[in-house]
PDB file of N, CA and C in Angstrom:
ATOM      1  N   MET A   1     -41.435   6.065 -22.008  1.00  0.00           N
ATOM      2  CA  MET A   1     -40.625   7.257 -21.940  1.00  0.00           C
ATOM      3  C   MET A   1     -39.409   7.044 -21.048  1.00  0.00           C
ATOM      4  N   GLY A   2     -39.546   6.212 -20.018  1.00  0.00           N
ATOM      5  CA  GLY A   2     -38.446   5.983 -19.082  1.00  0.00           C
ATOM      6  C   GLY A   2     -37.276   5.264 -19.723  1.00  0.00           C
ATOM      7  N   ILE A   3     -37.563   4.294 -20.609  1.00  0.00           N
ATOM      8  CA  ILE A   3     -36.476   3.542 -21.233  1.00  0.00           C
ATOM      9  C   ILE A   3     -35.676   4.422 -22.194  1.00  0.00           C
ATOM     10  N   ILE A   4     -36.334   5.366 -22.837  1.00  0.00           N
ATOM     11  CA  ILE A   4     -35.623   6.277 -23.744  1.00  0.00           C
ATOM     12  C   ILE A   4     -34.709   7.194 -22.939  1.00  0.00           C
ATOM     13  N   ARG A   5     -35.191   7.680 -21.815  1.00  0.00           N
ATOM     14  CA  ARG A   5     -34.391   8.565 -20.968  1.00  0.00           C
ATOM     15  C   ARG A   5     -33.175   7.829 -20.417  1.00  0.00           C
ATOM     16  N   ARG A   6     -33.369   6.591 -19.977  1.00  0.00           N
ATOM     17  CA  ARG A   6     -32.253   5.807 -19.439  1.00  0.00           C
ATOM     18  C   ARG A   6     -31.255   5.444 -20.529  1.00  0.00           C
ATOM     19  N   SER A   7     -31.759   5.103 -21.697  1.00  0.00           N
ATOM     20  CA  SER A   7     -30.866   4.763 -22.805  1.00  0.00           C
ATOM     21  C   SER A   7     -30.052   5.970 -23.229  1.00  0.00           C
ATOM     22  N   PHE A   8     -30.679   7.138 -23.268  1.00  0.00           N
ATOM     23  CA  PHE A   8     -29.962   8.360 -23.634  1.00  0.00           C
ATOM     24  C   PHE A   8     -28.859   8.655 -22.624  1.00  0.00           C
ATOM     25  N   SER A   9     -29.144   8.529 -21.333  1.00  0.00           N
ATOM     26  CA  SER A   9     -28.138   8.772 -20.301  1.00  0.00           C
ATOM     27  C   SER A   9     -26.980   7.787 -20.435  1.00  0.00           C
ATOM     28  N   PHE A  10     -27.303   6.527 -20.670  1.00  0.00           N
ATOM     29  CA  PHE A  10     -26.272   5.506 -20.802  1.00  0.00           C
ATOM     30  C   PHE A  10     -25.400   5.769 -22.023  1.00  0.00           C
ATOM     31  N   LEU A  11     -26.010   6.070 -23.146  1.00  0.00           N
ATOM     32  CA  LEU A  11     -25.249   6.328 -24.369  1.00  0.00           C
ATOM     33  C   LEU A  11     -24.418   7.602 -24.266  1.00  0.00           C
ATOM     34  N   LEU A  12     -24.945   8.625 -23.632  1.00  0.00           N
ATOM     35  CA  LEU A  12     -24.197   9.860 -23.437  1.00  0.00           C
ATOM     36  C   LEU A  12     -22.994   9.614 -22.529  1.00  0.00           C
ATOM     37  N   GLY A  13     -23.175   8.877 -21.470  1.00  0.00           N
ATOM     38  CA  GLY A  13     -22.075   8.547 -20.566  1.00  0.00           C
ATOM     39  C   GLY A  13     -21.019   7.696 -21.235  1.00  0.00           C
ATOM     40  N   THR A  14     -21.455   6.730 -22.041  1.00  0.00           N
ATOM     41  CA  THR A  14     -20.518   5.882 -22.769  1.00  0.00           C
ATOM     42  C   THR A  14     -19.713   6.703 -23.773  1.00  0.00           C
ATOM     43  N   GLY A  15     -20.388   7.582 -24.485  1.00  0.00           N
ATOM     44  CA  GLY A  15     -19.699   8.440 -25.454  1.00  0.00           C
ATOM     45  C   GLY A  15     -18.690   9.362 -24.791  1.00  0.00           C
ATOM     46  N   CYS A  16     -19.063   9.949 -23.664  1.00  0.00           N
ATOM     47  CA  CYS A  16     -18.127  10.816 -22.932  1.00  0.00           C
ATOM     48  C   CYS A  16     -16.939  10.011 -22.410  1.00  0.00           C
ATOM     49  N   GLY A  17     -17.191   8.815 -21.921  1.00  0.00           N
ATOM     50  CA  GLY A  17     -16.108   7.970 -21.426  1.00  0.00           C
ATOM     51  C   GLY A  17     -15.128   7.580 -22.516  1.00  0.00           C
ATOM     52  N   ILE A  18     -15.635   7.256 -23.684  1.00  0.00           N
ATOM     53  CA  ILE A  18     -14.769   6.912 -24.812  1.00  0.00           C
ATOM     54  C   ILE A  18     -13.932   8.113 -25.229  1.00  0.00           C
ATOM     55  N   TYR A  19     -14.551   9.284 -25.291  1.00  0.00           N
ATOM     56  CA  TYR A  19     -13.834  10.504 -25.665  1.00  0.00           C
ATOM     57  C   TYR A  19     -12.712  10.803 -24.667  1.00  0.00           C
ATOM     58  N   ILE A  20     -13.022  10.710 -23.388  1.00  0.00           N
ATOM     59  CA  ILE A  20     -12.021  10.999 -22.358  1.00  0.00           C
ATOM     60  C   ILE A  20     -10.889   9.977 -22.407  1.00  0.00           C
ATOM     61  N   ALA A  21     -11.220   8.699 -22.591  1.00  0.00           N
ATOM     62  CA  ALA A  21     -10.196   7.656 -22.630  1.00  0.00           C
ATOM     63  C   ALA A  21      -9.257   7.827 -23.817  1.00  0.00           C
ATOM     64  N   GLN A  22      -9.762   8.335 -24.933  1.00  0.00           N
ATOM     65  CA  GLN A  22      -8.928   8.490 -26.117  1.00  0.00           C
ATOM     66  C   GLN A  22      -8.082   9.760 -26.080  1.00  0.00           C
ATOM     67  N   ASN A  23      -8.568  10.811 -25.435  1.00  0.00           N
ATOM     68  CA  ASN A  23      -7.907  12.104 -25.537  1.00  0.00           C
ATOM     69  C   ASN A  23      -7.150  12.541 -24.292  1.00  0.00           C
ATOM     70  N   TYR A  24      -7.291  11.835 -23.196  1.00  0.00           N
ATOM     71  CA  TYR A  24      -6.607  12.211 -21.966  1.00  0.00           C
ATOM     72  C   TYR A  24      -5.849  11.015 -21.422  1.00  0.00           C
ATOM     73  N   ASN A  25      -4.813  11.297 -20.659  1.00  0.00           N
ATOM     74  CA  ASN A  25      -3.991  10.241 -20.076  1.00  0.00           C
ATOM     75  C   ASN A  25      -4.580   9.860 -18.719  1.00  0.00           C
ATOM     76  N   ILE A  26      -5.458   8.880 -18.716  1.00  0.00           N
ATOM     77  CA  ILE A  26      -6.068   8.433 -17.475  1.00  0.00           C
ATOM     78  C   ILE A  26      -5.382   7.138 -17.032  1.00  0.00           C
ATOM     79  N   PRO A  27      -5.270   6.906 -15.728  1.00  0.00           N
ATOM     80  CA  PRO A  27      -4.577   5.703 -15.251  1.00  0.00           C
ATOM     81  C   PRO A  27      -5.390   4.440 -15.518  1.00  0.00           C
ATOM     82  N   ASP A  28      -4.678   3.334 -15.623  1.00  0.00           N
ATOM     83  CA  ASP A  28      -5.322   2.034 -15.809  1.00  0.00           C
ATOM     84  C   ASP A  28      -5.851   1.563 -14.453  1.00  0.00           C
ATOM     85  N   VAL A  29      -7.148   1.390 -14.353  1.00  0.00           N
ATOM     86  CA  VAL A  29      -7.785   1.056 -13.085  1.00  0.00           C
ATOM     87  C   VAL A  29      -7.336  -0.320 -12.599  1.00  0.00           C
ATOM     88  N   LYS A  30      -7.162  -1.260 -13.492  1.00  0.00           N
ATOM     89  CA  LYS A  30      -6.737  -2.612 -13.105  1.00  0.00           C
ATOM     90  C   LYS A  30      -5.356  -2.580 -12.449  1.00  0.00           C
ATOM     91  N   LYS A  31      -4.427  -1.807 -13.024  1.00  0.00           N
ATOM     92  CA  LYS A  31      -3.081  -1.704 -12.439  1.00  0.00           C
ATOM     93  C   LYS A  31      -3.129  -1.031 -11.073  1.00  0.00           C
ATOM     94  N   LEU A  32      -3.935   0.033 -10.943  1.00  0.00           N
ATOM     95  CA  LEU A  32      -4.057   0.708  -9.655  1.00  0.00           C
ATOM     96  C   LEU A  32      -4.629  -0.233  -8.597  1.00  0.00           C
ATOM     97  N   PHE A  33      -5.654  -0.983  -8.955  1.00  0.00           N
ATOM     98  CA  PHE A  33      -6.265  -1.919  -8.020  1.00  0.00           C
ATOM     99  C   PHE A  33      -5.261  -2.985  -7.587  1.00  0.00           C
ATOM    100  N   ASP A  34      -4.514  -3.551  -8.539  1.00  0.00           N
ATOM    101  CA  ASP A  34      -3.515  -4.569  -8.202  1.00  0.00           C
ATOM    102  C   ASP A  34      -2.427  -4.004  -7.291  1.00  0.00           C
ATOM    103  N   THR A  35      -2.021  -2.763  -7.539  1.00  0.00           N
ATOM    104  CA  THR A  35      -1.008  -2.133  -6.703  1.00  0.00           C
ATOM    105  C   THR A  35      -1.525  -1.941  -5.282  1.00  0.00           C
ATOM    106  N   TYR A  36      -2.764  -1.462  -5.141  1.00  0.00           N
ATOM    107  CA  TYR A  36      -3.336  -1.258  -3.812  1.00  0.00           C
ATOM    108  C   TYR A  36      -3.508  -2.577  -3.067  1.00  0.00           C
ATOM    109  N   VAL A  37      -3.876  -3.632  -3.760  1.00  0.00           N
ATOM    110  CA  VAL A  37      -4.018  -4.944  -3.116  1.00  0.00           C
ATOM    111  C   VAL A  37      -2.660  -5.443  -2.645  1.00  0.00           C
ATOM    112  N   PHE A  38      -1.621  -5.261  -3.465  1.00  0.00           N
ATOM    113  CA  PHE A  38      -0.275  -5.683  -3.079  1.00  0.00           C
ATOM    114  C   PHE A  38       0.199  -4.923  -1.848  1.00  0.00           C
ATOM    115  N   VAL A  39      -0.005  -3.618  -1.825  1.00  0.00           N
ATOM    116  CA  VAL A  39       0.412  -2.808  -0.684  1.00  0.00           C
ATOM    117  C   VAL A  39      -0.369  -3.204   0.568  1.00  0.00           C
ATOM    118  N   ALA A  40      -1.665  -3.449   0.427  1.00  0.00           N
ATOM    119  CA  ALA A  40      -2.480  -3.847   1.576  1.00  0.00           C
ATOM    120  C   ALA A  40      -2.011  -5.194   2.132  1.00  0.00           C
ATOM    121  N   LYS A  41      -1.692  -6.141   1.256  1.00  0.00           N
ATOM    122  CA  LYS A  41      -1.188  -7.439   1.725  1.00  0.00           C
ATOM    123  C   LYS A  41       0.148  -7.284   2.430  1.00  0.00           C
ATOM    124  N   HIS A  42       1.007  -6.437   1.895  1.00  0.00           N
ATOM    125  CA  HIS A  42       2.323  -6.215   2.503  1.00  0.00           C
ATOM    126  C   HIS A  42       2.166  -5.594   3.897  1.00  0.00           C
ATOM    127  N   ILE A  43       1.304  -4.610   4.025  1.00  0.00           N
ATOM    128  CA  ILE A  43       1.075  -3.968   5.327  1.00  0.00           C
ATOM    129  C   ILE A  43       0.453  -4.955   6.304  1.00  0.00           C
ATOM    130  N   GLU A  44      -0.498  -5.748   5.825  1.00  0.00           N
ATOM    131  CA  GLU A  44      -1.144  -6.720   6.695  1.00  0.00           C
ATOM    132  C   GLU A  44      -0.151  -7.759   7.189  1.00  0.00           C
ATOM    133  N   GLU A  45       0.746  -8.218   6.332  1.00  0.00           N
ATOM    134  CA  GLU A  45       1.735  -9.217   6.734  1.00  0.00           C
ATOM    135  C   GLU A  45       2.773  -8.629   7.683  1.00  0.00           C
ATOM    136  N   SER A  46       3.132  -7.373   7.498  1.00  0.00           N
ATOM    137  CA  SER A  46       4.159  -6.783   8.346  1.00  0.00           C
ATOM    138  C   SER A  46       3.636  -6.449   9.743  1.00  0.00           C
ATOM    139  N   TYR A  47       2.343  -6.196   9.904  1.00  0.00           N
ATOM    140  CA  TYR A  47       1.776  -5.866  11.210  1.00  0.00           C
ATOM    141  C   TYR A  47       1.025  -7.027  11.850  1.00  0.00           C
ATOM    142  N   ARG A  48       1.059  -8.187  11.239  1.00  0.00           N
ATOM    143  CA  ARG A  48       0.366  -9.353  11.780  1.00  0.00           C
ATOM    144  C   ARG A  48       1.077  -9.838  13.051  1.00  0.00           C
ATOM    145  N   LYS A  49       0.294 -10.279  14.025  1.00  0.00           N
ATOM    146  CA  LYS A  49       0.882 -10.837  15.227  1.00  0.00           C
ATOM    147  C   LYS A  49       1.561 -12.166  14.881  1.00  0.00           C
ATOM    148  N   PRO A  50       2.689 -12.449  15.494  1.00  0.00           N
ATOM    149  CA  PRO A  50       3.345 -13.735  15.224  1.00  0.00           C
ATOM    150  C   PRO A  50       2.504 -14.888  15.771  1.00  0.00           C
ATOM    151  N   LYS A  51       2.537 -16.002  15.052  1.00  0.00           N
ATOM    152  CA  LYS A  51       1.776 -17.183  15.480  1.00  0.00           C
ATOM    153  C   LYS A  51       2.486 -17.822  16.674  1.00  0.00           C
ATOM    154  N   LYS A  52       1.692 -18.330  17.605  1.00  0.00           N
ATOM    155  CA  LYS A  52       2.241 -19.007  18.766  1.00  0.00           C
ATOM    156  C   LYS A  52       2.432 -20.486  18.422  1.00  0.00           C
ATOM    157  N   ASP A  53       3.595 -21.017  18.719  1.00  0.00           N
ATOM    158  CA  ASP A  53       3.854 -22.442  18.530  1.00  0.00           C
ATOM    159  C   ASP A  53       3.388 -23.173  19.774  1.00  0.00           C
ATOM    160  N   GLU A  54       2.425 -24.066  19.593  1.00  0.00           N
ATOM    161  CA  GLU A  54       1.874 -24.814  20.728  1.00  0.00           C
ATOM    162  C   GLU A  54       2.297 -26.275  20.669  1.00  0.00           C
ATOM    163  N   ASP A  55       3.587 -26.510  20.468  1.00  0.00           N
ATOM    164  CA  ASP A  55       4.089 -27.889  20.408  1.00  0.00           C
ATOM    165  C   ASP A  55       4.590 -28.338  21.743  1.00  0.00           C
TER     166      ASP A  55
END
């Protein structure tokens, strides 16, 4: 009985996700993630302490 309940939940969620993706303008998660990583790297580089030259 448990596998049927889990399969039903998974299929219902998949069906709802497909419907929402086709009928609504949702953002591309990959692009958002890449943008956030770029911004985080830029902030990290701008606030990084300068390296000390020990020559």
